[in-house]
Structures are given as structure tokens and as C-alpha cells.
């Protein structure tokens, strides 16, 4: 039998980067205020990583008209893409995209 790759964990946490108190939904994998994450998973939700390094948002992509933030672990260099949510700080998304870190993967209709 194959092991599940995604495990839903509803966990509240305080962001270790900005201090925001975050109410988890089971899909929450980054701080909605500053977009930073923490390297706690090997597969989403498994909490099996021993690294526990802070993951800095380093670039943003637009895939199928949705934003995806790539975070890089400051401790081990691991990178992970996180889909943005409706409650994510749009100012931080714009700031990240204005650093020439945006990759467009769609074409706007004319």
C-alpha cells in the first residue's frame, strides 16, 4: 500500500519571522502576513523534517492565474512552492513580484 503524500494537520502557530498569530486550516503552510514558512515537512503535513529552518519567500510565479510563492530554507537550502491563499498579504506578494522575481506561466487574453 502506498503512503499518503499529504496529511491534513490543523495547527495554529505564531510566525517565527514576524510574530503573527496564525490560525491554521489544515492547509496552512506559511504566514499570511509575511509569507515566510518553516521547514517542518518532507511531504506536506507529515512534520517529518528535522531541519526546522526558516524559509524565506524568494520568488513568485503565476500559474493558471494563481500566485505561487517559492520559499528557500535559510538553514539547508531546500526550496518549496506554496500556493497563496485569499488571506495572504497582497502588499507582500506585490513587493516580492516587484523584485524581478516573478515568472509568468500564462498569457493574458487580448
Protein backbone atom coordinates (compact mmCIF):
# COMPACT_ATOMS: atom_id res chain seq x y z
CA UNK A 1 0.00 0.00 0.00
CA UNK A 2 1.31 3.48 -0.93
CA UNK A 3 1.95 6.03 1.77
CA UNK A 4 -0.16 9.21 1.60
CA UNK A 5 1.88 12.19 0.44
CA UNK A 6 -0.41 14.81 2.02
CA UNK A 7 -1.52 14.81 5.63
CA UNK A 8 -4.00 17.43 6.81
CA UNK A 9 -2.94 18.97 10.14
CA UNK A 10 -4.98 21.77 11.67
CA UNK A 11 -2.42 23.68 13.72
CA UNK A 12 -2.31 27.25 14.97
CA UNK A 13 1.13 28.85 15.23
CA UNK A 14 2.98 32.10 15.80
CA UNK A 15 5.18 33.11 12.88
CA UNK A 16 8.80 32.94 13.93
CA UNK A 17 9.67 35.69 11.43
CA UNK A 18 7.10 38.43 12.13
CA UNK A 19 5.24 37.19 15.23
CA UNK A 20 1.81 37.00 13.57
CA UNK A 21 -0.58 34.60 15.31
CA UNK A 22 -1.85 32.31 12.54
CA UNK A 23 -4.98 30.20 12.75
CA UNK A 24 -4.36 27.02 10.77
CA UNK A 25 -6.88 25.46 8.39
CA UNK A 26 -5.16 22.14 7.76
CA UNK A 27 -3.70 23.54 4.56
CA UNK A 28 -1.84 26.49 6.12
CA UNK A 29 1.86 26.23 5.26
CA UNK A 30 3.08 29.81 5.58
CA UNK A 31 2.40 33.05 7.40
CA UNK A 32 -0.25 35.11 5.56
CA UNK A 33 1.28 38.36 6.83
CA UNK A 34 4.96 37.99 5.76
CA UNK A 35 4.75 34.82 3.55
CA UNK A 36 7.61 33.13 5.46
CA UNK A 37 7.37 29.43 6.18
CA UNK A 38 9.19 26.86 8.29
CA UNK A 39 10.89 23.70 7.03
CA UNK A 40 8.95 21.14 9.07
CA UNK A 41 7.70 18.73 6.37
CA UNK A 42 9.20 16.23 3.98
CA UNK A 43 5.79 15.62 2.41
CA UNK A 44 3.02 18.18 3.06
CA UNK A 45 1.70 17.87 6.60
CA UNK A 46 3.90 15.00 7.78
CA UNK A 47 6.06 17.13 10.15
CA UNK A 48 8.92 14.68 9.44
CA UNK A 49 11.71 17.16 8.61
CA UNK A 50 14.34 17.54 11.30
CA UNK A 51 15.66 20.78 9.75
CA UNK A 52 13.17 23.28 11.24
CA UNK A 53 14.90 26.15 9.40
CA UNK A 54 13.08 29.34 8.46
CA UNK A 55 12.03 29.53 4.83
CA UNK A 56 12.31 32.92 3.16
CA UNK A 57 9.98 33.84 0.26
CA UNK A 58 12.39 34.32 -2.65
CA UNK A 59 10.27 34.33 -5.80
CA UNK A 60 6.73 34.24 -7.05
CA UNK A 61 5.14 32.54 -10.05
CA UNK A 62 1.77 32.94 -11.66
CA UNK A 63 0.43 29.56 -12.67
CA UNK A 64 -3.07 29.31 -14.14
CA UNK A 65 -3.83 32.85 -12.91
CA UNK A 66 -2.86 32.00 -9.30
CA UNK A 67 0.18 33.05 -7.30
CA UNK A 68 2.66 30.53 -6.00
CA UNK A 69 5.47 31.65 -3.67
CA UNK A 70 8.78 29.79 -3.65
CA UNK A 71 10.47 29.73 -0.25
CA UNK A 72 14.09 28.75 0.41
CA UNK A 73 15.23 27.29 3.72
CA UNK A 74 17.89 29.50 5.27
CA UNK A 75 19.38 26.52 7.09
CA UNK A 76 19.66 23.77 4.43
CA UNK A 77 18.73 25.46 1.11
CA UNK A 78 15.61 23.31 0.44
CA UNK A 79 13.06 25.08 -1.78
CA UNK A 80 9.29 24.63 -1.74
CA UNK A 81 6.42 26.25 -3.63
CA UNK A 82 3.44 27.39 -1.58
CA UNK A 83 0.12 28.34 -3.15
CA UNK A 84 -1.14 31.65 -1.88
CA UNK A 85 -4.47 31.96 -0.05
CA UNK A 86 -7.14 34.61 -0.09
CA UNK A 87 -5.96 35.96 3.27
CA UNK A 88 -2.31 36.41 2.20
CA UNK A 89 -0.88 39.92 2.39
CA UNK A 90 -1.16 41.28 -1.15
CA UNK A 91 1.37 44.02 -0.36
CA UNK A 92 3.99 41.32 0.35
CA UNK A 93 3.07 39.49 -2.86
CA UNK A 94 3.45 42.73 -4.84
CA UNK A 95 6.74 43.53 -3.09
CA UNK A 96 8.06 40.07 -3.94
CA UNK A 97 6.94 40.35 -7.57
CA UNK A 98 8.46 43.82 -7.96
CA UNK A 99 11.93 42.45 -7.17
CA UNK A 100 12.09 40.90 -10.65
CA UNK A 101 11.36 37.55 -9.01
CA UNK A 102 8.19 36.84 -10.96
CA UNK A 103 7.81 34.08 -13.52
CA UNK A 104 4.70 34.22 -15.70
CA UNK A 105 3.27 30.90 -16.78
CA UNK A 106 0.14 32.12 -18.52
CA UNK A 107 -0.86 34.52 -21.23
CA UNK A 108 -3.40 37.24 -20.65
CA UNK A 109 -6.30 37.18 -23.13
CA UNK A 110 -6.39 40.07 -25.59
